[in-house]
């Protein structure tokens, strides 16, 4: 289904863009395919804002933006992507206040990405997470805040302490819940994955807790999973990269032998767990190396096994694994094992970066 067509060495980071890729080298050069774009830029942070805009962040030099015509724009503002909003909202360069504490002003940018139209929050010590046309969300590890935009005023505050304490399943030791991932907004509900605490769904206008999902009920498992780490009441969510499919209204995630799906369209939001154990064995795929870092393209979820050096494709409609690659040939080192560390997907290509900074490019066969 896929064939290896090219190998590139000394790659730091890669992002598909237009018909090719933007990538950084270990020597701090930034290229599009084989064309040099910039020299002396720390390319460890490359973000695809949209199909027509790439953001490159350098801790010393700030932000650069590359548009669809490959114009390079220098900016002091770190844009948070949101194609569902009419605004361009960004952080200003962080100002250190004390050890570990930074002031990150939040600004509305002009379309040039350089000039500020309006300062939204001048003294802000939290991270800008997401926004709509009406509400802006910031967060630290233990509290989530919602602001009305224009005029700016605090709408609500949700401290994670209000969820109580978590308890370790093995030791019974109590711990405080922390924000792990902002998954997205669907039907005015903000979905957040809590480290070792499942999901919460907050009303974006009021901050009211509408949904609390600690795990998957034991009766909601289809298939077989290895369940030695689960609680007695439910199967737990592993730390996957959870994806909101806005077209279907579902949250999905894959890690090890577990495919999670939460249908947000139902009146009672209930998670499902699809066991991949048997299906992975059938495809000669070892489940424990299946990394939670995935990429959704239409109905196909691309994943990789970082230890066995393979990538595969799961059809999210049928819950069937439709493809697993042969192990990728890598250069082994004396001091450590070579593993896969990143996966990116374009319309007809898969890009796999390994821990030796080698990029393996595969093309779909016709």
Protein backbone atom coordinates (compact mmCIF):
# COMPACT_ATOMS: atom_id res chain seq x y z
CA UNK A 1 0.00 0.00 0.00
CA UNK A 2 2.96 2.33 0.74
CA UNK A 3 6.48 2.28 -0.67
CA UNK A 4 9.61 3.94 0.66
CA UNK A 5 10.64 6.61 -1.86
CA UNK A 6 13.20 8.77 -0.03
CA UNK A 7 15.37 9.05 3.08
CA UNK A 8 16.65 12.36 4.48
CA UNK A 9 19.32 12.62 7.17
CA UNK A 10 19.92 15.14 10.00
CA UNK A 11 16.26 16.15 10.23
CA UNK A 12 15.06 17.99 13.31
CA UNK A 13 11.36 18.56 12.58
CA UNK A 14 9.03 18.14 9.59
CA UNK A 15 5.58 19.41 8.63
CA UNK A 16 3.70 18.75 5.36
CA UNK A 17 2.88 21.97 3.52
CA UNK A 18 1.28 22.51 0.11
CA UNK A 19 2.65 19.79 -2.18
CA UNK A 20 5.80 19.11 -0.16
CA UNK A 21 7.29 19.48 3.33
CA UNK A 22 8.88 22.19 5.42
CA UNK A 23 11.64 20.76 7.60
CA UNK A 24 14.52 21.88 9.77
CA UNK A 25 18.02 20.42 9.85
CA UNK A 26 20.29 19.91 12.83
CA UNK A 27 22.47 22.76 11.48
CA UNK A 28 19.55 25.19 12.01
CA UNK A 29 18.63 25.56 8.34
CA UNK A 30 14.97 25.55 7.31
CA UNK A 31 13.96 24.15 3.92
CA UNK A 32 10.94 23.54 1.74
CA UNK A 33 11.64 20.25 -0.04
CA UNK A 34 15.24 20.96 -1.14
CA UNK A 35 14.97 24.76 -1.28
CA UNK A 36 16.61 26.75 1.52
CA UNK A 37 14.18 29.15 3.23
CA UNK A 38 16.09 30.37 6.29
CA UNK A 39 19.47 30.00 7.97
CA UNK A 40 20.31 30.11 11.68
CA UNK A 41 16.82 29.35 12.91
CA UNK A 42 15.98 26.95 15.73
CA UNK A 43 13.59 24.66 13.90
CA UNK A 44 12.50 22.43 16.77
CA UNK A 45 9.07 24.13 16.81
CA UNK A 46 7.24 24.13 13.49
CA UNK A 47 3.44 24.46 13.55
CA UNK A 48 0.95 24.25 10.73
CA UNK A 49 -1.53 27.04 11.41
CA UNK A 50 -3.56 26.35 8.26
CA UNK A 51 -3.12 25.03 4.73
CA UNK A 52 -1.67 28.41 3.80
CA UNK A 53 0.38 29.37 6.87
CA UNK A 54 3.29 27.82 8.79
CA UNK A 55 4.66 29.12 12.09
CA UNK A 56 8.29 28.62 13.13
CA UNK A 57 9.26 29.52 16.70
CA UNK A 58 12.78 30.34 17.84
CA UNK A 59 13.27 30.94 21.59
CA UNK A 60 15.80 33.71 20.96
CA UNK A 61 14.47 35.30 17.78
CA UNK A 62 10.74 34.89 18.24
CA UNK A 63 8.20 33.83 15.62
CA UNK A 64 8.39 33.58 11.86
CA UNK A 65 5.47 32.91 9.57
CA UNK A 66 5.66 31.41 6.08
CA UNK A 67 2.67 32.02 3.84
CA UNK A 68 1.47 30.10 0.79
CA UNK A 69 3.74 32.18 -1.46
CA UNK A 70 6.71 31.43 0.84
CA UNK A 71 6.95 35.01 2.05
CA UNK A 72 8.68 35.05 5.45
CA UNK A 73 7.13 37.31 8.09
CA UNK A 74 8.98 38.14 11.33
CA UNK A 75 6.67 38.66 14.29
CA UNK A 76 6.86 39.04 18.06
CA UNK A 77 3.57 37.19 18.48
CA UNK A 78 2.84 33.48 18.84
CA UNK A 79 -0.44 32.83 17.06
CA UNK A 80 -2.82 30.19 18.43
CA UNK A 81 -4.50 28.58 15.44
CA UNK A 82 -8.29 28.48 15.24
CA UNK A 83 -9.89 28.29 11.81
CA UNK A 84 -13.36 28.41 13.43
CA UNK A 85 -12.87 31.99 14.67
CA UNK A 86 -12.78 35.23 12.73
CA UNK A 87 -10.02 36.54 15.01
CA UNK A 88 -6.25 36.14 15.02
CA UNK A 89 -5.32 35.88 18.71
CA UNK A 90 -1.76 35.40 19.92
CA UNK A 91 0.63 35.61 22.85
CA UNK A 92 3.16 38.39 23.01
CA UNK A 93 6.70 37.33 23.85
CA UNK A 94 6.71 36.07 27.43
CA UNK A 95 8.22 38.37 30.08
CA UNK A 96 9.83 36.58 33.02
CA UNK A 97 8.44 37.81 36.34
CA UNK A 98 10.14 35.34 38.66
CA UNK A 99 11.45 31.81 38.54
CA UNK A 100 8.98 29.77 36.48
CA UNK A 101 6.48 32.67 36.27
CA UNK A 102 5.93 34.55 33.00
CA UNK A 103 3.64 37.35 31.91
CA UNK A 104 2.13 36.44 28.56
CA UNK A 105 0.00 39.28 27.22
CA UNK A 106 -2.75 38.10 24.88
CA UNK A 107 -3.37 40.23 21.80
CA UNK A 108 -5.66 40.53 18.80
CA UNK A 109 -3.44 40.73 15.72
CA UNK A 110 -3.89 42.52 12.44
CA UNK A 111 -3.97 40.33 9.35
CA UNK A 112 -0.28 41.09 8.76
CA UNK A 113 0.53 39.01 11.91
CA UNK A 114 2.95 41.76 12.98
CA UNK A 115 0.86 44.60 14.39
CA UNK A 116 -1.50 44.51 17.34
CA UNK A 117 -5.06 45.65 16.85
CA UNK A 118 -5.96 45.37 20.53
CA UNK A 119 -4.52 43.97 23.76
CA UNK A 120 -7.04 41.52 25.23
CA UNK A 121 -5.29 40.56 28.49
CA UNK A 122 -2.26 42.62 29.43
CA UNK A 123 -1.15 40.79 32.57
CA UNK A 124 -1.80 37.12 32.05
CA UNK A 125 0.08 34.30 33.76
CA UNK A 126 -1.75 31.41 32.13
CA UNK A 127 -1.55 29.74 28.73
CA UNK A 128 -3.89 30.73 25.93
CA UNK A 129 -5.54 27.48 24.88
CA UNK A 130 -8.37 28.19 22.47
CA UNK A 131 -11.05 30.71 21.54
CA UNK A 132 -14.26 31.22 19.59
CA UNK A 133 -15.80 34.43 18.27
CA UNK A 134 -17.10 35.15 21.78
CA UNK A 135 -15.06 33.29 24.39
CA UNK A 136 -11.35 32.95 25.09
CA UNK A 137 -9.99 30.08 27.23
CA UNK A 138 -6.78 30.18 29.26
CA UNK A 139 -5.41 27.57 31.62
CA UNK A 140 -2.71 26.52 34.01
CA UNK A 141 -2.31 22.93 35.18
CA UNK A 142 -4.91 23.31 37.91
CA UNK A 143 -7.42 25.95 36.79
CA UNK A 144 -9.29 26.86 33.59
CA UNK A 145 -10.60 30.38 32.93
CA UNK A 146 -13.16 31.61 30.41
CA UNK A 147 -13.24 35.24 29.23
CA UNK A 148 -15.70 37.14 27.12
CA UNK A 149 -13.95 38.82 24.18
CA UNK A 150 -14.58 42.50 23.37
CA UNK A 151 -15.18 43.83 25.90
CA UNK A 152 -12.90 41.49 27.85
CA UNK A 153 -14.22 40.32 31.19
CA UNK A 154 -13.88 37.13 33.19
CA UNK A 155 -16.89 34.88 32.69
CA UNK A 156 -15.97 31.90 34.82
CA UNK A 157 -13.26 30.00 36.64
CA UNK A 158 -13.06 26.23 36.96
CA UNK A 159 -10.53 24.97 39.52
CA UNK A 160 -9.68 21.32 39.08
CA UNK A 161 -9.68 21.03 42.86
CA UNK A 162 -13.49 21.07 42.56
CA UNK A 163 -13.22 17.56 41.08
CA UNK A 164 -11.82 16.28 44.36
CA UNK A 165 -8.72 14.14 44.67
CA UNK A 166 -7.64 11.32 42.40
CA UNK A 167 -6.47 8.02 43.84
CA UNK A 168 -3.72 5.87 42.37
CA UNK A 169 -5.16 2.46 41.46
CA UNK A 170 -2.05 0.61 42.61
CA UNK A 171 -1.02 2.47 45.78
CA UNK A 172 -4.26 4.26 46.82
CA UNK A 173 -2.14 7.40 47.15
CA UNK A 174 -4.14 10.58 46.54
CA UNK A 175 -3.11 13.17 43.97
CA UNK A 176 -4.34 16.47 42.51
CA UNK A 177 -5.86 16.42 39.05
CA UNK A 178 -4.05 18.35 36.30
CA UNK A 179 -4.95 19.46 32.79
CA UNK A 180 -3.31 17.21 30.22
CA UNK A 181 -4.91 18.15 26.87
CA UNK A 182 -7.49 20.56 25.50
CA UNK A 183 -9.26 18.39 22.94
CA UNK A 184 -11.64 20.95 21.42
CA UNK A 185 -15.04 22.63 21.47
CA UNK A 186 -18.16 20.92 20.16
CA UNK A 187 -21.74 22.23 20.53
CA UNK A 188 -20.52 24.90 22.97
CA UNK A 189 -18.90 22.31 25.24
CA UNK A 190 -15.16 22.53 25.94
CA UNK A 191 -13.68 19.03 26.19
CA UNK A 192 -10.56 18.61 28.33
CA UNK A 193 -8.61 15.46 29.09
CA UNK A 194 -7.44 15.36 32.70
CA UNK A 195 -4.25 13.49 33.58
CA UNK A 196 -5.37 10.26 35.34
CA UNK A 197 -8.85 11.78 35.56
CA UNK A 198 -10.66 11.08 32.30
CA UNK A 199 -12.60 13.82 30.51
CA UNK A 200 -14.57 16.85 31.58
CA UNK A 201 -16.98 18.84 29.42
CA UNK A 202 -17.49 22.50 30.38
CA UNK A 203 -20.10 24.93 29.08
CA UNK A 204 -17.95 27.58 27.38
CA UNK A 205 -20.30 30.41 28.39
CA UNK A 206 -20.70 29.56 32.08
CA UNK A 207 -17.94 27.09 32.96
CA UNK A 208 -20.57 24.71 34.33
CA UNK A 209 -19.44 21.10 34.48
CA UNK A 210 -21.75 19.35 32.03
CA UNK A 211 -19.92 16.05 31.67
CA UNK A 212 -17.50 14.02 33.80
CA UNK A 213 -16.17 10.79 32.31
CA UNK A 214 -13.74 8.99 34.62
CA UNK A 215 -13.42 5.92 32.39
CA UNK A 216 -15.19 3.45 30.15
CA UNK A 217 -17.85 1.26 31.79
CA UNK A 218 -16.88 -2.42 31.78
CA UNK A 219 -19.93 -3.21 29.62
CA UNK A 220 -18.76 -0.78 26.92
CA UNK A 221 -15.80 -2.87 25.77
CA UNK A 222 -15.99 -4.51 22.36
CA UNK A 223 -13.10 -6.85 21.73
CA UNK A 224 -10.16 -7.71 23.98
CA UNK A 225 -7.65 -5.53 25.85
CA UNK A 226 -4.92 -6.10 28.38
CA UNK A 227 -6.55 -4.73 31.54
CA UNK A 228 -4.02 -5.17 34.32
CA UNK A 229 -3.91 -1.41 35.06
CA UNK A 230 -7.66 -0.73 35.14
CA UNK A 231 -9.86 0.01 38.11
CA UNK A 232 -12.55 -2.38 39.32
CA UNK A 233 -15.32 -0.09 38.06
CA UNK A 234 -14.13 0.89 34.59
CA UNK A 235 -11.39 0.82 31.97
CA UNK A 236 -9.14 3.85 32.20
CA UNK A 237 -8.14 6.24 29.44
CA UNK A 238 -4.50 5.85 28.56
CA UNK A 239 -2.58 9.00 27.70
CA UNK A 240 -3.23 9.08 23.96
CA UNK A 241 -3.34 12.07 21.66
CA UNK A 242 -7.10 12.56 21.63
CA UNK A 243 -8.60 14.02 18.46
CA UNK A 244 -11.93 15.79 18.03
CA UNK A 245 -13.49 14.88 14.69
CA UNK A 246 -15.79 17.88 14.26
CA UNK A 247 -17.55 16.43 11.20
CA UNK A 248 -18.64 13.30 13.05
CA UNK A 249 -18.88 14.83 16.51
CA UNK A 250 -16.65 12.22 18.14
CA UNK A 251 -13.48 12.16 20.21
CA UNK A 252 -11.09 9.35 19.32
CA UNK A 253 -7.73 8.10 20.50
CA UNK A 254 -5.53 5.05 19.93
CA UNK A 255 -2.73 3.75 22.12
CA UNK A 256 -1.45 0.20 22.77
CA UNK A 257 -4.39 -2.15 22.17
CA UNK A 258 -7.08 0.44 22.93
CA UNK A 259 -9.16 2.52 20.54
CA UNK A 260 -11.31 5.03 22.41
CA UNK A 261 -14.41 6.68 20.96
CA UNK A 262 -16.75 9.17 22.62
CA UNK A 263 -19.88 10.09 20.66
CA UNK A 264 -20.72 13.69 21.57
CA UNK A 265 -24.02 13.67 19.65
CA UNK A 266 -25.83 11.45 22.12
CA UNK A 267 -27.96 12.94 24.89
CA UNK A 268 -25.99 10.87 27.40
CA UNK A 269 -22.36 11.03 26.36
CA UNK A 270 -20.93 7.56 26.90
CA UNK A 271 -17.45 6.40 25.91
CA UNK A 272 -16.73 3.16 24.05
CA UNK A 273 -13.56 1.08 24.14
CA UNK A 274 -12.67 -1.10 21.17
CA UNK A 275 -10.10 -3.77 21.97
CA UNK A 276 -7.45 -4.14 19.30
CA UNK A 277 -5.56 -7.06 20.87
CA UNK A 278 -6.78 -9.79 18.50
CA UNK A 279 -6.71 -7.52 15.47
CA UNK A 280 -3.14 -6.48 16.16
CA UNK A 281 -2.03 -10.07 16.65
CA UNK A 282 -3.69 -10.97 13.35
CA UNK A 283 -1.61 -8.25 11.65
CA UNK A 284 1.55 -9.37 13.50
CA UNK A 285 1.64 -6.05 15.36
CA UNK A 286 2.85 -5.88 18.95
CA UNK A 287 0.44 -3.73 20.92
CA UNK A 288 2.75 -2.25 23.56
CA UNK A 289 4.78 -0.25 21.09
CA UNK A 290 1.74 1.43 19.51
CA UNK A 291 2.31 5.09 20.29
CA UNK A 292 -0.54 7.45 21.13
CA UNK A 293 0.69 10.06 18.63
CA UNK A 294 -1.68 9.61 15.67
CA UNK A 295 -2.89 11.53 12.62
CA UNK A 296 -6.47 11.52 11.32
CA UNK A 297 -7.01 11.85 7.57
CA UNK A 298 -10.71 11.56 6.73
CA UNK A 299 -11.84 8.19 8.11
CA UNK A 300 -8.32 6.80 8.42
CA UNK A 301 -6.25 7.04 11.59
CA UNK A 302 -2.50 6.69 11.01
CA UNK A 303 -0.38 5.39 13.89
CA UNK A 304 3.06 3.95 14.51
CA UNK A 305 4.77 1.37 16.69
CA UNK A 306 7.83 3.17 17.97
CA UNK A 307 9.64 0.02 19.14
CA UNK A 308 8.83 -2.36 16.28
CA UNK A 309 9.50 0.40 13.71
CA UNK A 310 6.19 0.05 11.85
CA UNK A 311 3.29 2.33 10.94
CA UNK A 312 -0.29 1.36 10.29
CA UNK A 313 -3.78 2.57 9.41
CA UNK A 314 -7.02 2.08 11.34
CA UNK A 315 -10.41 2.66 9.70
CA UNK A 316 -12.34 4.53 12.40
CA UNK A 317 -15.69 3.51 10.92
CA UNK A 318 -15.13 -0.25 10.86
CA UNK A 319 -12.54 -0.28 13.67
CA UNK A 320 -10.41 -2.52 11.48
CA UNK A 321 -6.66 -2.23 10.97
CA UNK A 322 -6.39 -2.09 7.19
CA UNK A 323 -2.63 -1.73 6.81
CA UNK A 324 0.60 -2.36 8.70
CA UNK A 325 3.96 -1.62 7.12
CA UNK A 326 7.01 -3.82 7.16
CA UNK A 327 9.57 -2.81 9.83
CA UNK A 328 11.40 0.33 8.73
CA UNK A 329 15.12 -0.15 8.18
CA UNK A 330 17.05 2.11 10.57
CA UNK A 331 20.66 2.57 11.61
CA UNK A 332 21.24 1.06 15.05
CA UNK A 333 23.48 2.85 17.54
CA UNK A 334 25.77 1.39 20.18
CA UNK A 335 24.49 3.64 22.98
CA UNK A 336 20.73 3.21 22.52
CA UNK A 337 17.98 1.57 20.49
CA UNK A 338 16.63 3.45 17.49
CA UNK A 339 12.92 4.19 17.78
CA UNK A 340 10.33 6.04 15.75
CA UNK A 341 9.54 9.45 17.29
CA UNK A 342 7.13 11.29 14.99
CA UNK A 343 4.60 10.74 12.22
CA UNK A 344 3.12 13.19 9.74
CA UNK A 345 0.68 12.47 6.91
CA UNK A 346 -0.24 14.32 3.73
CA UNK A 347 -2.71 13.36 1.02
CA UNK A 348 -0.58 10.58 -0.43
CA UNK A 349 2.57 10.40 1.71
CA UNK A 350 3.60 9.33 5.20
CA UNK A 351 6.62 10.89 6.90
CA UNK A 352 8.28 8.95 9.72
CA UNK A 353 11.07 10.53 11.78
CA UNK A 354 13.27 8.26 13.88
CA UNK A 355 15.42 8.97 16.93
CA UNK A 356 18.54 9.17 14.75
CA UNK A 357 17.04 12.22 13.01
CA UNK A 358 16.42 10.23 9.84
CA UNK A 359 13.25 10.96 7.91
CA UNK A 360 11.66 8.07 6.02
CA UNK A 361 9.22 9.16 3.29
CA UNK A 362 6.61 6.72 2.03
CA UNK A 363 4.23 7.21 -0.91
CA UNK A 364 0.90 5.51 -1.38
CA UNK A 365 0.85 3.08 -4.26
CA UNK A 366 -1.77 3.62 -6.95
